[in-house]
């Protein structure tokens, strides 16, 4: 999205995991352009497009410690559904005597 003075203001992207769902993969509005309705305009446009594609729901996520993003999502009429903790293990941490996976 570009504002009237031709400055970049914000963006969002959408993933298409399965119908009838679309997943917002990020909402980004530059600091100088925040609190002006740009995030709402981006999401409204995304939802209008998804609706025209036959989708009935849009999902999104935010880091667990990003309270500002949580507030934004609530203001944009998203409802919280669950919290998830992701885990990882480096491959090098595997024990040498672990049997190979067929």
PDB file of N, CA and C in Angstrom:
ATOM      1  N   UNK A   1       0.855  -1.169   0.000  1.00  0.00           N
ATOM      2  CA  UNK A   1       0.000   0.000   0.000  1.00  0.00           C
ATOM      3  C   UNK A   1       0.899   1.229   0.000  1.00  0.00           C
ATOM      4  N   UNK A   2       0.520   2.196  -0.766  1.00  0.00           N
ATOM      5  CA  UNK A   2       1.274   3.439  -0.864  1.00  0.00           C
ATOM      6  C   UNK A   2       0.348   4.578  -0.470  1.00  0.00           C
ATOM      7  N   UNK A   3       0.822   5.483   0.369  1.00  0.00           N
ATOM      8  CA  UNK A   3       0.000   6.610   0.787  1.00  0.00           C
ATOM      9  C   UNK A   3       0.022   7.703  -0.286  1.00  0.00           C
ATOM     10  N   UNK A   4      -0.743   8.758  -0.057  1.00  0.00           N
ATOM     11  CA  UNK A   4      -0.910   9.816  -1.052  1.00  0.00           C
ATOM     12  C   UNK A   4       0.413  10.459  -1.466  1.00  0.00           C
ATOM     13  N   UNK A   5       1.391  10.486  -0.585  1.00  0.00           N
ATOM     14  CA  UNK A   5       2.679  11.107  -0.920  1.00  0.00           C
ATOM     15  C   UNK A   5       3.645  10.115  -1.537  1.00  0.00           C
ATOM     16  N   UNK A   6       3.147   8.956  -1.957  1.00  0.00           N
ATOM     17  CA  UNK A   6       3.926   7.915  -2.619  1.00  0.00           C
ATOM     18  C   UNK A   6       4.994   7.296  -1.726  1.00  0.00           C
ATOM     19  N   UNK A   7       4.713   7.221  -0.435  1.00  0.00           N
ATOM     20  CA  UNK A   7       5.597   6.549   0.503  1.00  0.00           C
ATOM     21  C   UNK A   7       5.001   5.189   0.818  1.00  0.00           C
ATOM     22  N   UNK A   8       5.851   4.189   0.980  1.00  0.00           N
ATOM     23  CA  UNK A   8       5.383   2.878   1.381  1.00  0.00           C
ATOM     24  C   UNK A   8       4.766   2.991   2.770  1.00  0.00           C
ATOM     25  N   UNK A   9       3.573   2.438   2.947  1.00  0.00           N
ATOM     26  CA  UNK A   9       2.898   2.543   4.239  1.00  0.00           C
ATOM     27  C   UNK A   9       2.708   1.194   4.917  1.00  0.00           C
ATOM     28  N   UNK A  10       2.420   0.151   4.164  1.00  0.00           N
ATOM     29  CA  UNK A  10       2.202  -1.137   4.811  1.00  0.00           C
ATOM     30  C   UNK A  10       1.907  -2.215   3.803  1.00  0.00           C
ATOM     31  N   UNK A  11       1.900  -3.452   4.293  1.00  0.00           N
ATOM     32  CA  UNK A  11       1.641  -4.590   3.428  1.00  0.00           C
ATOM     33  C   UNK A  11       1.056  -5.743   4.234  1.00  0.00           C
ATOM     34  N   UNK A  12       0.466  -6.676   3.567  1.00  0.00           N
ATOM     35  CA  UNK A  12       0.027  -7.936   4.154  1.00  0.00           C
ATOM     36  C   UNK A  12       0.147  -9.000   3.084  1.00  0.00           C
ATOM     37  N   UNK A  13       0.219 -10.229   3.488  1.00  0.00           N
ATOM     38  CA  UNK A  13       0.261 -11.327   2.530  1.00  0.00           C
ATOM     39  C   UNK A  13      -0.680 -12.413   3.004  1.00  0.00           C
ATOM     40  N   UNK A  14      -1.051 -13.292   2.099  1.00  0.00           N
ATOM     41  CA  UNK A  14      -2.030 -14.305   2.426  1.00  0.00           C
ATOM     42  C   UNK A  14      -1.566 -15.661   1.923  1.00  0.00           C
ATOM     43  N   UNK A  15      -1.731 -16.668   2.741  1.00  0.00           N
ATOM     44  CA  UNK A  15      -1.460 -18.044   2.333  1.00  0.00           C
ATOM     45  C   UNK A  15      -2.795 -18.719   2.060  1.00  0.00           C
ATOM     46  N   UNK A  16      -2.762 -19.729   1.232  1.00  0.00           N
ATOM     47  CA  UNK A  16      -3.978 -20.425   0.847  1.00  0.00           C
ATOM     48  C   UNK A  16      -3.836 -21.902   1.237  1.00  0.00           C
ATOM     49  N   UNK A  17      -3.939 -22.221   2.552  1.00  0.00           N
ATOM     50  CA  UNK A  17      -3.721 -23.602   2.947  1.00  0.00           C
ATOM     51  C   UNK A  17      -4.826 -24.538   2.473  1.00  0.00           C
ATOM     52  N   UNK A  18      -6.071 -24.114   2.537  1.00  0.00           N
ATOM     53  CA  UNK A  18      -7.195 -24.931   2.086  1.00  0.00           C
ATOM     54  C   UNK A  18      -8.451 -24.078   2.098  1.00  0.00           C
ATOM     55  N   UNK A  19      -9.366 -24.414   1.242  1.00  0.00           N
ATOM     56  CA  UNK A  19     -10.642 -23.719   1.289  1.00  0.00           C
ATOM     57  C   UNK A  19     -11.446 -24.314   2.405  1.00  0.00           C
ATOM     58  N   UNK A  20     -12.293 -23.617   3.052  1.00  0.00           N
ATOM     59  CA  UNK A  20     -12.685 -22.219   2.846  1.00  0.00           C
ATOM     60  C   UNK A  20     -11.912 -21.237   3.722  1.00  0.00           C
ATOM     61  N   UNK A  21     -10.629 -21.509   3.964  1.00  0.00           N
ATOM     62  CA  UNK A  21      -9.833 -20.693   4.871  1.00  0.00           C
ATOM     63  C   UNK A  21      -8.727 -19.962   4.116  1.00  0.00           C
ATOM     64  N   UNK A  22      -8.455 -18.738   4.519  1.00  0.00           N
ATOM     65  CA  UNK A  22      -7.278 -18.004   4.061  1.00  0.00           C
ATOM     66  C   UNK A  22      -6.519 -17.584   5.303  1.00  0.00           C
ATOM     67  N   UNK A  23      -5.203 -17.557   5.210  1.00  0.00           N
ATOM     68  CA  UNK A  23      -4.370 -17.270   6.372  1.00  0.00           C
ATOM     69  C   UNK A  23      -3.538 -16.026   6.116  1.00  0.00           C
ATOM     70  N   UNK A  24      -3.719 -15.016   6.951  1.00  0.00           N
ATOM     71  CA  UNK A  24      -2.916 -13.804   6.853  1.00  0.00           C
ATOM     72  C   UNK A  24      -1.530 -14.112   7.383  1.00  0.00           C
ATOM     73  N   UNK A  25      -0.515 -13.922   6.562  1.00  0.00           N
ATOM     74  CA  UNK A  25       0.853 -14.251   6.939  1.00  0.00           C
ATOM     75  C   UNK A  25       1.629 -13.059   7.468  1.00  0.00           C
ATOM     76  N   UNK A  26       0.977 -11.968   7.681  1.00  0.00           N
ATOM     77  CA  UNK A  26       1.665 -10.820   8.247  1.00  0.00           C
ATOM     78  C   UNK A  26       0.955  -9.528   7.920  1.00  0.00           C
ATOM     79  N   UNK A  27       0.927  -8.645   8.872  1.00  0.00           N
ATOM     80  CA  UNK A  27       0.388  -7.302   8.672  1.00  0.00           C
ATOM     81  C   UNK A  27       1.514  -6.362   9.092  1.00  0.00           C
ATOM     82  N   UNK A  28       1.958  -5.544   8.188  1.00  0.00           N
ATOM     83  CA  UNK A  28       3.066  -4.644   8.493  1.00  0.00           C
ATOM     84  C   UNK A  28       2.714  -3.233   8.034  1.00  0.00           C
ATOM     85  N   UNK A  29       2.727  -2.312   8.968  1.00  0.00           N
ATOM     86  CA  UNK A  29       2.516  -0.901   8.658  1.00  0.00           C
ATOM     87  C   UNK A  29       3.710  -0.145   9.227  1.00  0.00           C
ATOM     88  N   UNK A  30       4.320   0.686   8.418  1.00  0.00           N
ATOM     89  CA  UNK A  30       5.499   1.424   8.877  1.00  0.00           C
ATOM     90  C   UNK A  30       5.123   2.325  10.064  1.00  0.00           C
ATOM     91  N   UNK A  31       6.051   2.524  10.986  1.00  0.00           N
ATOM     92  CA  UNK A  31       5.755   3.307  12.194  1.00  0.00           C
ATOM     93  C   UNK A  31       5.150   4.685  11.910  1.00  0.00           C
ATOM     94  N   UNK A  32       5.629   5.373  10.889  1.00  0.00           N
ATOM     95  CA  UNK A  32       5.104   6.714  10.581  1.00  0.00           C
ATOM     96  C   UNK A  32       3.662   6.701  10.085  1.00  0.00           C
ATOM     97  N   UNK A  33       3.152   5.530   9.701  1.00  0.00           N
ATOM     98  CA  UNK A  33       1.814   5.452   9.132  1.00  0.00           C
ATOM     99  C   UNK A  33       0.821   4.707  10.021  1.00  0.00           C
ATOM    100  N   UNK A  34       1.231   4.339  11.210  1.00  0.00           N
ATOM    101  CA  UNK A  34       0.349   3.593  12.107  1.00  0.00           C
ATOM    102  C   UNK A  34      -0.734   4.483  12.692  1.00  0.00           C
ATOM    103  N   UNK A  35      -1.799   3.826  13.154  1.00  0.00           N
ATOM    104  CA  UNK A  35      -2.953   4.496  13.788  1.00  0.00           C
ATOM    105  C   UNK A  35      -3.710   5.375  12.797  1.00  0.00           C
ATOM    106  N   UNK A  36      -3.695   4.990  11.517  1.00  0.00           N
ATOM    107  CA  UNK A  36      -4.406   5.749  10.480  1.00  0.00           C
ATOM    108  C   UNK A  36      -5.402   4.881   9.711  1.00  0.00           C
ATOM    109  N   UNK A  37      -5.617   3.645  10.159  1.00  0.00           N
ATOM    110  CA  UNK A  37      -6.580   2.773   9.491  1.00  0.00           C
ATOM    111  C   UNK A  37      -5.993   1.953   8.349  1.00  0.00           C
ATOM    112  N   UNK A  38      -4.669   1.992   8.185  1.00  0.00           N
ATOM    113  CA  UNK A  38      -4.041   1.279   7.069  1.00  0.00           C
ATOM    114  C   UNK A  38      -4.131  -0.230   7.263  1.00  0.00           C
ATOM    115  N   UNK A  39      -3.867  -0.723   8.474  1.00  0.00           N
ATOM    116  CA  UNK A  39      -3.963  -2.168   8.720  1.00  0.00           C
ATOM    117  C   UNK A  39      -5.384  -2.643   8.458  1.00  0.00           C
ATOM    118  N   UNK A  40      -6.371  -1.887   8.899  1.00  0.00           N
ATOM    119  CA  UNK A  40      -7.771  -2.273   8.656  1.00  0.00           C
ATOM    120  C   UNK A  40      -8.065  -2.301   7.158  1.00  0.00           C
ATOM    121  N   UNK A  41      -7.583  -1.306   6.420  1.00  0.00           N
ATOM    122  CA  UNK A  41      -7.816  -1.278   4.968  1.00  0.00           C
ATOM    123  C   UNK A  41      -7.161  -2.481   4.300  1.00  0.00           C
ATOM    124  N   UNK A  42      -5.942  -2.838   4.728  1.00  0.00           N
ATOM    125  CA  UNK A  42      -5.262  -4.002   4.162  1.00  0.00           C
ATOM    126  C   UNK A  42      -6.040  -5.277   4.439  1.00  0.00           C
ATOM    127  N   UNK A  43      -6.460  -5.465   5.686  1.00  0.00           N
ATOM    128  CA  UNK A  43      -7.207  -6.679   6.048  1.00  0.00           C
ATOM    129  C   UNK A  43      -8.570  -6.696   5.375  1.00  0.00           C
ATOM    130  N   UNK A  44      -9.266  -5.561   5.344  1.00  0.00           N
ATOM    131  CA  UNK A  44     -10.571  -5.515   4.666  1.00  0.00           C
ATOM    132  C   UNK A  44     -10.454  -5.887   3.199  1.00  0.00           C
ATOM    133  N   UNK A  45      -9.394  -5.417   2.537  1.00  0.00           N
ATOM    134  CA  UNK A  45      -9.170  -5.753   1.125  1.00  0.00           C
ATOM    135  C   UNK A  45      -8.876  -7.236   0.975  1.00  0.00           C
ATOM    136  N   UNK A  46      -8.045  -7.764   1.859  1.00  0.00           N
ATOM    137  CA  UNK A  46      -7.721  -9.184   1.820  1.00  0.00           C
ATOM    138  C   UNK A  46      -8.974 -10.033   2.041  1.00  0.00           C
ATOM    139  N   UNK A  47      -9.804  -9.643   2.995  1.00  0.00           N
ATOM    140  CA  UNK A  47     -11.018 -10.400   3.287  1.00  0.00           C
ATOM    141  C   UNK A  47     -12.009 -10.299   2.137  1.00  0.00           C
ATOM    142  N   UNK A  48     -12.124  -9.151   1.513  1.00  0.00           N
ATOM    143  CA  UNK A  48     -13.016  -9.016   0.355  1.00  0.00           C
ATOM    144  C   UNK A  48     -12.568  -9.937  -0.772  1.00  0.00           C
ATOM    145  N   UNK A  49     -11.258  -9.999  -1.009  1.00  0.00           N
ATOM    146  CA  UNK A  49     -10.733 -10.886  -2.050  1.00  0.00           C
ATOM    147  C   UNK A  49     -11.018 -12.340  -1.694  1.00  0.00           C
ATOM    148  N   UNK A  50     -10.746 -12.717  -0.439  1.00  0.00           N
ATOM    149  CA  UNK A  50     -10.975 -14.101  -0.010  1.00  0.00           C
ATOM    150  C   UNK A  50     -12.453 -14.464  -0.111  1.00  0.00           C
ATOM    151  N   UNK A  51     -13.316 -13.552   0.250  1.00  0.00           N
ATOM    152  CA  UNK A  51     -14.756 -13.799   0.151  1.00  0.00           C
ATOM    153  C   UNK A  51     -15.170 -14.030  -1.295  1.00  0.00           C
ATOM    154  N   UNK A  52     -14.612 -13.250  -2.210  1.00  0.00           N
ATOM    155  CA  UNK A  52     -14.914 -13.424  -3.634  1.00  0.00           C
ATOM    156  C   UNK A  52     -14.419 -14.776  -4.150  1.00  0.00           C
ATOM    157  N   UNK A  53     -13.434 -15.367  -3.458  1.00  0.00           N
ATOM    158  CA  UNK A  53     -12.911 -16.683  -3.837  1.00  0.00           C
ATOM    159  C   UNK A  53     -13.702 -17.812  -3.185  1.00  0.00           C
ATOM    160  N   UNK A  54     -14.739 -17.479  -2.422  1.00  0.00           N
ATOM    161  CA  UNK A  54     -15.564 -18.494  -1.780  1.00  0.00           C
ATOM    162  C   UNK A  54     -15.131 -18.874  -0.377  1.00  0.00           C
ATOM    163  N   UNK A  55     -14.206 -18.125   0.198  1.00  0.00           N
ATOM    164  CA  UNK A  55     -13.742 -18.435   1.546  1.00  0.00           C
ATOM    165  C   UNK A  55     -14.709 -17.859   2.580  1.00  0.00           C
ATOM    166  N   UNK A  56     -14.769 -18.524   3.717  1.00  0.00           N
ATOM    167  CA  UNK A  56     -15.681 -18.081   4.768  1.00  0.00           C
ATOM    168  C   UNK A  56     -14.950 -17.695   6.048  1.00  0.00           C
ATOM    169  N   UNK A  57     -13.632 -17.865   6.079  1.00  0.00           N
ATOM    170  CA  UNK A  57     -12.881 -17.562   7.291  1.00  0.00           C
ATOM    171  C   UNK A  57     -11.458 -17.140   6.941  1.00  0.00           C
ATOM    172  N   UNK A  58     -10.928 -16.225   7.734  1.00  0.00           N
ATOM    173  CA  UNK A  58      -9.539 -15.793   7.602  1.00  0.00           C
ATOM    174  C   UNK A  58      -8.873 -15.997   8.952  1.00  0.00           C
ATOM    175  N   UNK A  59      -7.693 -16.574   8.944  1.00  0.00           N
ATOM    176  CA  UNK A  59      -6.942 -16.809  10.176  1.00  0.00           C
ATOM    177  C   UNK A  59      -5.648 -16.001  10.148  1.00  0.00           C
ATOM    178  N   UNK A  60      -5.048 -15.819  11.306  1.00  0.00           N
ATOM    179  CA  UNK A  60      -3.792 -15.097  11.422  1.00  0.00           C
ATOM    180  C   UNK A  60      -3.085 -15.581  12.678  1.00  0.00           C
ATOM    181  N   UNK A  61      -1.850 -15.185  12.856  1.00  0.00           N
ATOM    182  CA  UNK A  61      -1.138 -15.516  14.082  1.00  0.00           C
ATOM    183  C   UNK A  61      -0.258 -14.348  14.488  1.00  0.00           C
ATOM    184  N   UNK A  62       0.227 -14.432  15.708  1.00  0.00           N
ATOM    185  CA  UNK A  62       1.112 -13.396  16.246  1.00  0.00           C
ATOM    186  C   UNK A  62       1.987 -14.045  17.307  1.00  0.00           C
ATOM    187  N   UNK A  63       3.222 -13.570  17.454  1.00  0.00           N
ATOM    188  CA  UNK A  63       4.070 -14.106  18.519  1.00  0.00           C
ATOM    189  C   UNK A  63       3.400 -13.953  19.883  1.00  0.00           C
ATOM    190  N   UNK A  64       3.636 -14.907  20.745  1.00  0.00           N
ATOM    191  CA  UNK A  64       2.967 -14.932  22.043  1.00  0.00           C
ATOM    192  C   UNK A  64       3.266 -13.696  22.889  1.00  0.00           C
ATOM    193  N   UNK A  65       4.419 -13.069  22.681  1.00  0.00           N
ATOM    194  CA  UNK A  65       4.794 -11.910  23.490  1.00  0.00           C
ATOM    195  C   UNK A  65       4.534 -10.569  22.801  1.00  0.00           C
ATOM    196  N   UNK A  66       3.822 -10.571  21.684  1.00  0.00           N
ATOM    197  CA  UNK A  66       3.575  -9.336  20.943  1.00  0.00           C
ATOM    198  C   UNK A  66       2.177  -8.793  21.268  1.00  0.00           C
ATOM    199  N   UNK A  67       2.072  -8.125  22.408  1.00  0.00           N
ATOM    200  CA  UNK A  67       0.782  -7.604  22.866  1.00  0.00           C
ATOM    201  C   UNK A  67       0.179  -6.595  21.888  1.00  0.00           C
ATOM    202  N   UNK A  68       1.018  -5.797  21.226  1.00  0.00           N
ATOM    203  CA  UNK A  68       0.501  -4.817  20.261  1.00  0.00           C
ATOM    204  C   UNK A  68      -0.193  -5.525  19.103  1.00  0.00           C
ATOM    205  N   UNK A  69       0.388  -6.619  18.637  1.00  0.00           N
ATOM    206  CA  UNK A  69      -0.227  -7.383  17.552  1.00  0.00           C
ATOM    207  C   UNK A  69      -1.530  -8.021  18.016  1.00  0.00           C
ATOM    208  N   UNK A  70      -1.560  -8.524  19.232  1.00  0.00           N
ATOM    209  CA  UNK A  70      -2.796  -9.112  19.769  1.00  0.00           C
ATOM    210  C   UNK A  70      -3.902  -8.057  19.793  1.00  0.00           C
ATOM    211  N   UNK A  71      -3.563  -6.855  20.254  1.00  0.00           N
ATOM    212  CA  UNK A  71      -4.553  -5.764  20.305  1.00  0.00           C
ATOM    213  C   UNK A  71      -5.039  -5.406  18.909  1.00  0.00           C
ATOM    214  N   UNK A  72      -4.107  -5.337  17.962  1.00  0.00           N
ATOM    215  CA  UNK A  72      -4.483  -5.031  16.581  1.00  0.00           C
ATOM    216  C   UNK A  72      -5.435  -6.092  16.039  1.00  0.00           C
ATOM    217  N   UNK A  73      -5.107  -7.355  16.234  1.00  0.00           N
ATOM    218  CA  UNK A  73      -5.974  -8.423  15.730  1.00  0.00           C
ATOM    219  C   UNK A  73      -7.378  -8.336  16.337  1.00  0.00           C
ATOM    220  N   UNK A  74      -7.446  -8.079  17.636  1.00  0.00           N
ATOM    221  CA  UNK A  74      -8.770  -7.942  18.264  1.00  0.00           C
ATOM    222  C   UNK A  74      -9.526  -6.752  17.677  1.00  0.00           C
ATOM    223  N   UNK A  75      -8.833  -5.644  17.453  1.00  0.00           N
ATOM    224  CA  UNK A  75      -9.473  -4.460  16.868  1.00  0.00           C
ATOM    225  C   UNK A  75      -9.955  -4.729  15.444  1.00  0.00           C
ATOM    226  N   UNK A  76      -9.319  -5.687  14.761  1.00  0.00           N
ATOM    227  CA  UNK A  76      -9.705  -6.047  13.394  1.00  0.00           C
ATOM    228  C   UNK A  76     -10.711  -7.196  13.370  1.00  0.00           C
ATOM    229  N   UNK A  77     -11.316  -7.485  14.526  1.00  0.00           N
ATOM    230  CA  UNK A  77     -12.380  -8.482  14.677  1.00  0.00           C
ATOM    231  C   UNK A  77     -11.920  -9.934  14.598  1.00  0.00           C
ATOM    232  N   UNK A  78     -10.621 -10.192  14.802  1.00  0.00           N
ATOM    233  CA  UNK A  78     -10.138 -11.564  14.942  1.00  0.00           C
ATOM    234  C   UNK A  78     -10.401 -12.006  16.381  1.00  0.00           C
ATOM    235  N   UNK A  79     -10.639 -13.288  16.582  1.00  0.00           N
ATOM    236  CA  UNK A  79     -10.787 -13.827  17.930  1.00  0.00           C
ATOM    237  C   UNK A  79      -9.682 -14.843  18.168  1.00  0.00           C
ATOM    238  N   UNK A  80      -9.145 -14.833  19.381  1.00  0.00           N
ATOM    239  CA  UNK A  80      -8.087 -15.769  19.731  1.00  0.00           C
ATOM    240  C   UNK A  80      -8.666 -17.174  19.820  1.00  0.00           C
ATOM    241  N   UNK A  81      -7.943 -18.140  19.260  1.00  0.00           N
ATOM    242  CA  UNK A  81      -8.420 -19.519  19.288  1.00  0.00           C
ATOM    243  C   UNK A  81      -7.547 -20.433  20.134  1.00  0.00           C
ATOM    244  N   UNK A  82      -6.233 -20.260  20.108  1.00  0.00           N
ATOM    245  CA  UNK A  82      -5.347 -21.115  20.891  1.00  0.00           C
ATOM    246  C   UNK A  82      -3.944 -20.508  20.947  1.00  0.00           C
ATOM    247  N   UNK A  83      -3.149 -20.986  21.883  1.00  0.00           N
ATOM    248  CA  UNK A  83      -1.743 -20.607  21.971  1.00  0.00           C
ATOM    249  C   UNK A  83      -0.911 -21.848  21.683  1.00  0.00           C
ATOM    250  N   UNK A  84       0.181 -21.667  20.986  1.00  0.00           N
ATOM    251  CA  UNK A  84       1.027 -22.778  20.578  1.00  0.00           C
ATOM    252  C   UNK A  84       2.462 -22.479  20.978  1.00  0.00           C
ATOM    253  N   UNK A  85       3.156 -23.503  21.436  1.00  0.00           N
ATOM    254  CA  UNK A  85       4.581 -23.392  21.715  1.00  0.00           C
ATOM    255  C   UNK A  85       5.291 -24.275  20.703  1.00  0.00           C
ATOM    256  N   UNK A  86       6.233 -23.709  19.957  1.00  0.00           N
ATOM    257  CA  UNK A  86       6.995 -24.462  18.966  1.00  0.00           C
ATOM    258  C   UNK A  86       8.292 -24.959  19.606  1.00  0.00           C
ATOM    259  N   UNK A  87       8.707 -26.138  19.194  1.00  0.00           N
ATOM    260  CA  UNK A  87       9.956 -26.714  19.675  1.00  0.00           C
ATOM    261  C   UNK A  87      10.857 -26.997  18.489  1.00  0.00           C
ATOM    262  N   UNK A  88      12.150 -27.071  18.754  1.00  0.00           N
ATOM    263  CA  UNK A  88      13.087 -27.466  17.716  1.00  0.00           C
ATOM    264  C   UNK A  88      14.219 -28.253  18.357  1.00  0.00           C
ATOM    265  N   UNK A  89      14.884 -29.034  17.543  1.00  0.00           N
ATOM    266  CA  UNK A  89      16.043 -29.797  17.987  1.00  0.00           C
ATOM    267  C   UNK A  89      17.020 -29.842  16.831  1.00  0.00           C
ATOM    268  N   UNK A  90      18.229 -29.336  17.028  1.00  0.00           N
ATOM    269  CA  UNK A  90      19.217 -29.411  15.947  1.00  0.00           C
ATOM    270  C   UNK A  90      19.516 -30.867  15.593  1.00  0.00           C
ATOM    271  N   UNK A  91      19.743 -31.130  14.344  1.00  0.00           N
ATOM    272  CA  UNK A  91      20.073 -32.473  13.884  1.00  0.00           C
ATOM    273  C   UNK A  91      21.320 -32.986  14.586  1.00  0.00           C
ATOM    274  N   UNK A  92      22.268 -32.122  14.840  1.00  0.00           N
ATOM    275  CA  UNK A  92      23.518 -32.540  15.475  1.00  0.00           C
ATOM    276  C   UNK A  92      23.301 -33.052  16.901  1.00  0.00           C
ATOM    277  N   UNK A  93      22.134 -32.810  17.475  1.00  0.00           N
ATOM    278  CA  UNK A  93      21.848 -33.274  18.829  1.00  0.00           C
ATOM    279  C   UNK A  93      21.423 -34.739  18.860  1.00  0.00           C
ATOM    280  N   UNK A  94      21.198 -35.353  17.703  1.00  0.00           N
ATOM    281  CA  UNK A  94      20.803 -36.760  17.660  1.00  0.00           C
ATOM    282  C   UNK A  94      21.947 -37.628  18.187  1.00  0.00           C
ATOM    283  N   UNK A  95      21.601 -38.626  18.966  1.00  0.00           N
ATOM    284  CA  UNK A  95      22.627 -39.536  19.484  1.00  0.00           C
ATOM    285  C   UNK A  95      23.137 -40.433  18.373  1.00  0.00           C
ATOM    286  N   UNK A  96      24.399 -40.757  18.424  1.00  0.00           N
ATOM    287  CA  UNK A  96      25.008 -41.593  17.385  1.00  0.00           C
ATOM    288  C   UNK A  96      24.443 -43.005  17.380  1.00  0.00           C
ATOM    289  N   UNK A  97      23.941 -43.475  18.530  1.00  0.00           N
ATOM    290  CA  UNK A  97      23.421 -44.843  18.575  1.00  0.00           C
ATOM    291  C   UNK A  97      21.932 -44.931  18.275  1.00  0.00           C
ATOM    292  N   UNK A  98      21.301 -43.778  17.923  1.00  0.00           N
ATOM    293  CA  UNK A  98      19.902 -43.824  17.507  1.00  0.00           C
ATOM    294  C   UNK A  98      19.775 -44.621  16.228  1.00  0.00           C
ATOM    295  N   UNK A  99      18.831 -45.534  16.130  1.00  0.00           N
ATOM    296  CA  UNK A  99      18.664 -46.284  14.888  1.00  0.00           C
ATOM    297  C   UNK A  99      18.205 -45.367  13.760  1.00  0.00           C
ATOM    298  N   UNK A 100      18.622 -45.635  12.544  1.00  0.00           N
ATOM    299  CA  UNK A 100      18.172 -44.810  11.416  1.00  0.00           C
ATOM    300  C   UNK A 100      16.686 -45.006  11.169  1.00  0.00           C
ATOM    301  N   UNK A 101      16.058 -43.971  10.691  1.00  0.00           N
ATOM    302  CA  UNK A 101      14.627 -44.059  10.350  1.00  0.00           C
ATOM    303  C   UNK A 101      14.525 -44.572   8.921  1.00  0.00           C
ATOM    304  N   UNK A 102      13.734 -45.659   8.738  1.00  0.00           N
ATOM    305  CA  UNK A 102      13.622 -46.229   7.361  1.00  0.00           C
ATOM    306  C   UNK A 102      12.906 -45.307   6.406  1.00  0.00           C
TER     307      UNK A 102
END
